[in-house]
PDB file of N, CA and C in Angstrom:
ATOM      1  N   UNK A   1       1.554  -8.353   5.509  1.00  0.00           N
ATOM      2  CA  UNK A   1       2.853  -8.059   4.938  1.00  0.00           C
ATOM      3  C   UNK A   1       3.125  -8.979   3.740  1.00  0.00           C
ATOM      4  N   UNK A   2       3.919  -8.484   2.846  1.00  0.00           N
ATOM      5  CA  UNK A   2       4.299  -9.280   1.681  1.00  0.00           C
ATOM      6  C   UNK A   2       5.743  -8.950   1.313  1.00  0.00           C
ATOM      7  N   UNK A   3       6.535  -9.978   1.045  1.00  0.00           N
ATOM      8  CA  UNK A   3       7.908  -9.764   0.663  1.00  0.00           C
ATOM      9  C   UNK A   3       8.075 -10.121  -0.812  1.00  0.00           C
ATOM     10  N   UNK A   4       8.792  -9.219  -1.534  1.00  0.00           N
ATOM     11  CA  UNK A   4       8.962  -9.452  -2.960  1.00  0.00           C
ATOM     12  C   UNK A   4      10.290  -8.784  -3.374  1.00  0.00           C
ATOM     13  N   UNK A   5      11.211  -9.595  -3.957  1.00  0.00           N
ATOM     14  CA  UNK A   5      12.463  -9.090  -4.509  1.00  0.00           C
ATOM     15  C   UNK A   5      13.210  -8.123  -3.586  1.00  0.00           C
ATOM     16  N   UNK A   6      13.337  -8.526  -2.315  1.00  0.00           N
ATOM     17  CA  UNK A   6      14.141  -7.756  -1.377  1.00  0.00           C
ATOM     18  C   UNK A   6      13.384  -6.603  -0.770  1.00  0.00           C
ATOM     19  N   UNK A   7      12.105  -6.432  -1.042  1.00  0.00           N
ATOM     20  CA  UNK A   7      11.337  -5.381  -0.416  1.00  0.00           C
ATOM     21  C   UNK A   7      10.175  -5.998   0.418  1.00  0.00           C
ATOM     22  N   UNK A   8       9.834  -5.323   1.515  1.00  0.00           N
ATOM     23  CA  UNK A   8       8.760  -5.744   2.378  1.00  0.00           C
ATOM     24  C   UNK A   8       7.654  -4.692   2.289  1.00  0.00           C
ATOM     25  N   UNK A   9       6.448  -5.146   1.901  1.00  0.00           N
ATOM     26  CA  UNK A   9       5.323  -4.284   1.754  1.00  0.00           C
ATOM     27  C   UNK A   9       4.428  -4.432   2.965  1.00  0.00           C
ATOM     28  N   UNK A  10       4.198  -3.323   3.684  1.00  0.00           N
ATOM     29  CA  UNK A  10       3.505  -3.415   4.935  1.00  0.00           C
ATOM     30  C   UNK A  10       2.221  -2.518   4.897  1.00  0.00           C
ATOM     31  N   UNK A  11       1.056  -3.134   4.846  1.00  0.00           N
ATOM     32  CA  UNK A  11      -0.213  -2.390   4.956  1.00  0.00           C
ATOM     33  C   UNK A  11      -0.484  -2.047   6.363  1.00  0.00           C
ATOM     34  N   UNK A  12      -0.889  -0.817   6.620  1.00  0.00           N
ATOM     35  CA  UNK A  12      -1.116  -0.314   8.021  1.00  0.00           C
ATOM     36  C   UNK A  12      -2.577   0.163   8.058  1.00  0.00           C
ATOM     37  N   UNK A  13      -3.320  -0.422   9.012  1.00  0.00           N
ATOM     38  CA  UNK A  13      -4.718  -0.044   9.084  1.00  0.00           C
ATOM     39  C   UNK A  13      -4.891   1.412   9.426  1.00  0.00           C
ATOM     40  N   UNK A  14      -3.771   2.091   9.780  1.00  0.00           N
ATOM     41  CA  UNK A  14      -3.847   3.548  10.039  1.00  0.00           C
ATOM     42  C   UNK A  14      -3.578   4.335   8.767  1.00  0.00           C
ATOM     43  N   UNK A  15      -4.199   3.952   7.661  1.00  0.00           N
ATOM     44  CA  UNK A  15      -4.275   4.761   6.445  1.00  0.00           C
ATOM     45  C   UNK A  15      -2.986   4.892   5.638  1.00  0.00           C
ATOM     46  N   UNK A  16      -2.113   3.888   5.668  1.00  0.00           N
ATOM     47  CA  UNK A  16      -0.933   3.976   4.834  1.00  0.00           C
ATOM     48  C   UNK A  16      -0.340   2.614   4.497  1.00  0.00           C
ATOM     49  N   UNK A  17       0.484   2.568   3.493  1.00  0.00           N
ATOM     50  CA  UNK A  17       1.241   1.368   3.051  1.00  0.00           C
ATOM     51  C   UNK A  17       2.719   1.860   2.996  1.00  0.00           C
ATOM     52  N   UNK A  18       3.611   1.110   3.639  1.00  0.00           N
ATOM     53  CA  UNK A  18       5.052   1.438   3.611  1.00  0.00           C
ATOM     54  C   UNK A  18       5.832   0.272   2.993  1.00  0.00           C
ATOM     55  N   UNK A  19       6.788   0.663   2.177  1.00  0.00           N
ATOM     56  CA  UNK A  19       7.640  -0.325   1.480  1.00  0.00           C
ATOM     57  C   UNK A  19       9.076  -0.148   2.057  1.00  0.00           C
ATOM     58  N   UNK A  20       9.609  -1.241   2.559  1.00  0.00           N
ATOM     59  CA  UNK A  20      10.966  -1.213   3.131  1.00  0.00           C
ATOM     60  C   UNK A  20      11.939  -2.005   2.238  1.00  0.00           C
ATOM     61  N   UNK A  21      13.150  -1.568   2.146  1.00  0.00           N
ATOM     62  CA  UNK A  21      14.194  -2.325   1.355  1.00  0.00           C
ATOM     63  C   UNK A  21      14.836  -3.380   2.289  1.00  0.00           C
ATOM     64  N   UNK A  22      15.784  -4.066   1.752  1.00  0.00           N
ATOM     65  CA  UNK A  22      16.495  -5.177   2.474  1.00  0.00           C
ATOM     66  C   UNK A  22      17.215  -4.688   3.705  1.00  0.00           C
ATOM     67  N   UNK A  23      17.491  -3.372   3.783  1.00  0.00           N
ATOM     68  CA  UNK A  23      18.197  -2.840   4.966  1.00  0.00           C
ATOM     69  C   UNK A  23      17.222  -2.245   5.984  1.00  0.00           C
ATOM     70  N   UNK A  24      15.963  -2.536   5.769  1.00  0.00           N
ATOM     71  CA  UNK A  24      14.889  -2.052   6.657  1.00  0.00           C
ATOM     72  C   UNK A  24      14.699  -0.543   6.600  1.00  0.00           C
ATOM     73  N   UNK A  25      15.088   0.028   5.480  1.00  0.00           N
ATOM     74  CA  UNK A  25      14.882   1.499   5.248  1.00  0.00           C
ATOM     75  C   UNK A  25      13.556   1.649   4.488  1.00  0.00           C
ATOM     76  N   UNK A  26      12.768   2.612   4.901  1.00  0.00           N
ATOM     77  CA  UNK A  26      11.539   2.896   4.168  1.00  0.00           C
ATOM     78  C   UNK A  26      11.922   3.556   2.797  1.00  0.00           C
ATOM     79  N   UNK A  27      11.476   2.973   1.718  1.00  0.00           N
ATOM     80  CA  UNK A  27      11.781   3.508   0.397  1.00  0.00           C
ATOM     81  C   UNK A  27      10.537   4.175  -0.226  1.00  0.00           C
ATOM     82  N   UNK A  28       9.375   3.857   0.313  1.00  0.00           N
ATOM     83  CA  UNK A  28       8.158   4.526  -0.176  1.00  0.00           C
ATOM     84  C   UNK A  28       7.099   4.404   0.905  1.00  0.00           C
ATOM     85  N   UNK A  29       6.276   5.416   0.929  1.00  0.00           N
ATOM     86  CA  UNK A  29       5.117   5.424   1.844  1.00  0.00           C
ATOM     87  C   UNK A  29       3.957   6.026   1.107  1.00  0.00           C
ATOM     88  N   UNK A  30       2.865   5.269   1.045  1.00  0.00           N
ATOM     89  CA  UNK A  30       1.668   5.736   0.354  1.00  0.00           C
ATOM     90  C   UNK A  30       0.586   5.956   1.418  1.00  0.00           C
ATOM     91  N   UNK A  31      -0.090   7.043   1.298  1.00  0.00           N
ATOM     92  CA  UNK A  31      -1.100   7.428   2.267  1.00  0.00           C
ATOM     93  C   UNK A  31      -0.506   8.372   3.290  1.00  0.00           C
ATOM     94  N   UNK A  32      -1.352   9.102   3.938  1.00  0.00           N
ATOM     95  CA  UNK A  32      -0.871  10.097   4.932  1.00  0.00           C
ATOM     96  C   UNK A  32      -0.883   9.631   6.332  1.00  0.00           C
ATOM     97  N   UNK A  33      -1.526   8.469   6.640  1.00  0.00           N
ATOM     98  CA  UNK A  33      -1.528   7.962   7.976  1.00  0.00           C
ATOM     99  C   UNK A  33      -2.425   8.764   8.923  1.00  0.00           C
ATOM    100  N   UNK A  34      -3.209   9.683   8.365  1.00  0.00           N
ATOM    101  CA  UNK A  34      -4.036  10.536   9.209  1.00  0.00           C
ATOM    102  C   UNK A  34      -5.462  10.081   9.338  1.00  0.00           C
ATOM    103  N   UNK A  35      -5.897   9.189   8.498  1.00  0.00           N
ATOM    104  CA  UNK A  35      -7.283   8.720   8.552  1.00  0.00           C
ATOM    105  C   UNK A  35      -8.292   9.789   8.305  1.00  0.00           C
ATOM    106  N   UNK A  36      -8.069  10.613   7.259  1.00  0.00           N
ATOM    107  CA  UNK A  36      -8.933  11.797   7.007  1.00  0.00           C
ATOM    108  C   UNK A  36     -10.394  11.396   6.934  1.00  0.00           C
ATOM    109  N   UNK A  37     -11.290  12.318   7.159  1.00  0.00           N
ATOM    110  CA  UNK A  37     -12.701  12.047   7.178  1.00  0.00           C
ATOM    111  C   UNK A  37     -13.232  11.557   5.814  1.00  0.00           C
ATOM    112  N   UNK A  38     -12.545  11.977   4.739  1.00  0.00           N
ATOM    113  CA  UNK A  38     -13.037  11.578   3.385  1.00  0.00           C
ATOM    114  C   UNK A  38     -12.226  10.466   2.823  1.00  0.00           C
ATOM    115  N   UNK A  39     -11.544   9.698   3.622  1.00  0.00           N
ATOM    116  CA  UNK A  39     -10.688   8.648   3.073  1.00  0.00           C
ATOM    117  C   UNK A  39     -11.470   7.439   2.468  1.00  0.00           C
ATOM    118  N   UNK A  40     -12.786   7.411   2.697  1.00  0.00           N
ATOM    119  CA  UNK A  40     -13.642   6.422   2.033  1.00  0.00           C
ATOM    120  C   UNK A  40     -14.049   6.845   0.641  1.00  0.00           C
ATOM    121  N   UNK A  41     -14.125   8.152   0.428  1.00  0.00           N
ATOM    122  CA  UNK A  41     -14.615   8.654  -0.829  1.00  0.00           C
ATOM    123  C   UNK A  41     -13.507   9.276  -1.699  1.00  0.00           C
ATOM    124  N   UNK A  42     -12.399   9.620  -1.154  1.00  0.00           N
ATOM    125  CA  UNK A  42     -11.327  10.163  -1.905  1.00  0.00           C
ATOM    126  C   UNK A  42     -10.354   9.114  -2.381  1.00  0.00           C
ATOM    127  N   UNK A  43     -10.238   8.846  -3.667  1.00  0.00           N
ATOM    128  CA  UNK A  43      -9.410   7.749  -4.173  1.00  0.00           C
ATOM    129  C   UNK A  43      -7.926   7.958  -3.940  1.00  0.00           C
ATOM    130  N   UNK A  44      -7.527   9.171  -3.595  1.00  0.00           N
ATOM    131  CA  UNK A  44      -6.114   9.450  -3.353  1.00  0.00           C
ATOM    132  C   UNK A  44      -5.661   9.088  -1.919  1.00  0.00           C
ATOM    133  N   UNK A  45      -6.643   8.735  -1.100  1.00  0.00           N
ATOM    134  CA  UNK A  45      -6.321   8.384   0.298  1.00  0.00           C
ATOM    135  C   UNK A  45      -6.673   6.923   0.579  1.00  0.00           C
ATOM    136  N   UNK A  46      -5.994   6.411   1.600  1.00  0.00           N
ATOM    137  CA  UNK A  46      -6.342   5.107   2.107  1.00  0.00           C
ATOM    138  C   UNK A  46      -7.228   5.256   3.311  1.00  0.00           C
ATOM    139  N   UNK A  47      -8.177   4.308   3.495  1.00  0.00           N
ATOM    140  CA  UNK A  47      -8.988   4.279   4.684  1.00  0.00           C
ATOM    141  C   UNK A  47      -8.324   3.327   5.681  1.00  0.00           C
ATOM    142  N   UNK A  48      -8.227   2.042   5.312  1.00  0.00           N
ATOM    143  CA  UNK A  48      -7.683   1.020   6.201  1.00  0.00           C
ATOM    144  C   UNK A  48      -7.024  -0.129   5.334  1.00  0.00           C
ATOM    145  N   UNK A  49      -5.848   0.074   4.795  1.00  0.00           N
ATOM    146  CA  UNK A  49      -5.214  -0.949   4.032  1.00  0.00           C
ATOM    147  C   UNK A  49      -4.999  -2.204   4.900  1.00  0.00           C
ATOM    148  N   UNK A  50      -5.463  -3.355   4.410  1.00  0.00           N
ATOM    149  CA  UNK A  50      -5.459  -4.579   5.220  1.00  0.00           C
ATOM    150  C   UNK A  50      -4.551  -5.634   4.686  1.00  0.00           C
ATOM    151  N   UNK A  51      -4.523  -5.787   3.355  1.00  0.00           N
ATOM    152  CA  UNK A  51      -3.687  -6.843   2.755  1.00  0.00           C
ATOM    153  C   UNK A  51      -3.029  -6.296   1.492  1.00  0.00           C
ATOM    154  N   UNK A  52      -1.862  -6.903   1.166  1.00  0.00           N
ATOM    155  CA  UNK A  52      -1.134  -6.473  -0.010  1.00  0.00           C
ATOM    156  C   UNK A  52      -0.483  -7.710  -0.592  1.00  0.00           C
ATOM    157  N   UNK A  53      -0.402  -7.713  -1.952  1.00  0.00           N
ATOM    158  CA  UNK A  53       0.355  -8.759  -2.633  1.00  0.00           C
ATOM    159  C   UNK A  53       1.016  -8.135  -3.880  1.00  0.00           C
ATOM    160  N   UNK A  54       2.020  -8.793  -4.389  1.00  0.00           N
ATOM    161  CA  UNK A  54       2.826  -8.260  -5.518  1.00  0.00           C
ATOM    162  C   UNK A  54       2.874  -9.305  -6.613  1.00  0.00           C
ATOM    163  N   UNK A  55       2.667  -8.873  -7.841  1.00  0.00           N
ATOM    164  CA  UNK A  55       2.762  -9.857  -8.952  1.00  0.00           C
ATOM    165  C   UNK A  55       4.181  -9.883  -9.546  1.00  0.00           C
ATOM    166  N   UNK A  56       4.367 -10.720 -10.583  1.00  0.00           N
ATOM    167  CA  UNK A  56       5.716 -10.918 -11.133  1.00  0.00           C
ATOM    168  C   UNK A  56       6.246  -9.683 -11.811  1.00  0.00           C
ATOM    169  N   UNK A  57       5.454  -8.749 -12.197  1.00  0.00           N
ATOM    170  CA  UNK A  57       5.932  -7.483 -12.814  1.00  0.00           C
ATOM    171  C   UNK A  57       6.289  -6.447 -11.780  1.00  0.00           C
ATOM    172  N   UNK A  58       5.959  -6.668 -10.518  1.00  0.00           N
ATOM    173  CA  UNK A  58       6.239  -5.702  -9.452  1.00  0.00           C
ATOM    174  C   UNK A  58       5.051  -4.820  -9.202  1.00  0.00           C
ATOM    175  N   UNK A  59       3.930  -5.006  -9.903  1.00  0.00           N
ATOM    176  CA  UNK A  59       2.689  -4.268  -9.611  1.00  0.00           C
ATOM    177  C   UNK A  59       2.206  -4.795  -8.269  1.00  0.00           C
ATOM    178  N   UNK A  60       1.614  -3.940  -7.426  1.00  0.00           N
ATOM    179  CA  UNK A  60       1.114  -4.473  -6.169  1.00  0.00           C
ATOM    180  C   UNK A  60      -0.325  -4.016  -6.008  1.00  0.00           C
ATOM    181  N   UNK A  61      -0.999  -4.846  -5.194  1.00  0.00           N
ATOM    182  CA  UNK A  61      -2.411  -4.720  -4.988  1.00  0.00           C
ATOM    183  C   UNK A  61      -2.726  -4.584  -3.509  1.00  0.00           C
ATOM    184  N   UNK A  62      -3.587  -3.634  -3.180  1.00  0.00           N
ATOM    185  CA  UNK A  62      -3.909  -3.367  -1.764  1.00  0.00           C
ATOM    186  C   UNK A  62      -5.444  -3.594  -1.621  1.00  0.00           C
ATOM    187  N   UNK A  63      -5.839  -4.306  -0.646  1.00  0.00           N
ATOM    188  CA  UNK A  63      -7.244  -4.458  -0.288  1.00  0.00           C
ATOM    189  C   UNK A  63      -7.488  -3.736   1.029  1.00  0.00           C
ATOM    190  N   UNK A  64      -8.497  -2.874   1.028  1.00  0.00           N
ATOM    191  CA  UNK A  64      -8.782  -2.125   2.218  1.00  0.00           C
ATOM    192  C   UNK A  64      -9.936  -2.696   3.064  1.00  0.00           C
ATOM    193  N   UNK A  65      -9.862  -2.520   4.316  1.00  0.00           N
ATOM    194  CA  UNK A  65     -10.840  -3.021   5.265  1.00  0.00           C
ATOM    195  C   UNK A  65     -11.882  -1.928   5.450  1.00  0.00           C
ATOM    196  N   UNK A  66     -12.811  -1.817   4.498  1.00  0.00           N
ATOM    197  CA  UNK A  66     -13.891  -0.864   4.593  1.00  0.00           C
ATOM    198  C   UNK A  66     -15.193  -1.617   4.255  1.00  0.00           C
ATOM    199  N   UNK A  67     -16.291  -1.030   4.667  1.00  0.00           N
ATOM    200  CA  UNK A  67     -17.595  -1.742   4.557  1.00  0.00           C
ATOM    201  C   UNK A  67     -17.923  -2.108   3.085  1.00  0.00           C
ATOM    202  N   UNK A  68     -17.464  -1.357   2.127  1.00  0.00           N
ATOM    203  CA  UNK A  68     -17.770  -1.646   0.729  1.00  0.00           C
ATOM    204  C   UNK A  68     -16.623  -2.334  -0.004  1.00  0.00           C
ATOM    205  N   UNK A  69     -15.478  -2.571   0.663  1.00  0.00           N
ATOM    206  CA  UNK A  69     -14.341  -3.190   0.069  1.00  0.00           C
ATOM    207  C   UNK A  69     -13.715  -2.246  -0.957  1.00  0.00           C
ATOM    208  N   UNK A  70     -12.387  -2.310  -1.112  1.00  0.00           N
ATOM    209  CA  UNK A  70     -11.795  -1.475  -2.146  1.00  0.00           C
ATOM    210  C   UNK A  70     -10.425  -2.076  -2.533  1.00  0.00           C
ATOM    211  N   UNK A  71     -10.438  -2.870  -3.576  1.00  0.00           N
ATOM    212  CA  UNK A  71      -9.124  -3.392  -4.074  1.00  0.00           C
ATOM    213  C   UNK A  71      -8.538  -2.279  -4.953  1.00  0.00           C
ATOM    214  N   UNK A  72      -7.220  -2.098  -4.860  1.00  0.00           N
ATOM    215  CA  UNK A  72      -6.520  -1.116  -5.615  1.00  0.00           C
ATOM    216  C   UNK A  72      -5.224  -1.661  -6.214  1.00  0.00           C
ATOM    217  N   UNK A  73      -4.877  -1.241  -7.419  1.00  0.00           N
ATOM    218  CA  UNK A  73      -3.739  -1.728  -8.127  1.00  0.00           C
ATOM    219  C   UNK A  73      -2.747  -0.513  -8.252  1.00  0.00           C
ATOM    220  N   UNK A  74      -1.481  -0.782  -7.985  1.00  0.00           N
ATOM    221  CA  UNK A  74      -0.410   0.213  -8.167  1.00  0.00           C
ATOM    222  C   UNK A  74       0.588  -0.400  -9.148  1.00  0.00           C
ATOM    223  N   UNK A  75       0.817   0.282 -10.250  1.00  0.00           N
ATOM    224  CA  UNK A  75       1.688  -0.219 -11.302  1.00  0.00           C
ATOM    225  C   UNK A  75       3.158   0.151 -11.023  1.00  0.00           C
ATOM    226  N   UNK A  76       4.004  -0.867 -11.121  1.00  0.00           N
ATOM    227  CA  UNK A  76       5.422  -0.663 -10.921  1.00  0.00           C
ATOM    228  C   UNK A  76       5.999   0.129 -12.096  1.00  0.00           C
ATOM    229  N   UNK A  77       6.676   1.174 -11.775  1.00  0.00           N
ATOM    230  CA  UNK A  77       7.347   1.999 -12.835  1.00  0.00           C
ATOM    231  C   UNK A  77       8.848   2.109 -12.460  1.00  0.00           C
ATOM    232  N   UNK A  78       9.619   1.239 -13.073  1.00  0.00           N
ATOM    233  CA  UNK A  78      11.098   1.240 -12.745  1.00  0.00           C
ATOM    234  C   UNK A  78      11.713   2.604 -13.028  1.00  0.00           C
ATOM    235  N   UNK A  79      12.701   2.945 -12.201  1.00  0.00           N
ATOM    236  CA  UNK A  79      13.448   4.175 -12.396  1.00  0.00           C
ATOM    237  C   UNK A  79      14.468   3.947 -13.534  1.00  0.00           C
ATOM    238  N   UNK A  80      14.650   4.959 -14.330  1.00  0.00           N
ATOM    239  CA  UNK A  80      15.582   4.849 -15.444  1.00  0.00           C
ATOM    240  C   UNK A  80      17.019   5.027 -15.010  1.00  0.00           C
TER     241      UNK A  80
END
């Protein structure tokens, strides 16, 4: 887990990352949580997110627990 500017980023080994606000409400969920058969080869899916960190711009990085490793970057795009 990682906390940044009132949000809690939770990697879940069950194929998803959830972001909660300060009121413990889920504001975003990435991944389907189904652990699809192609989640190691399909870049749109998570296999096993293990760690997450957030930089000063709000971009966050997820490292997956897979045999070949897979760091991923997600760019923060503020709402207008």
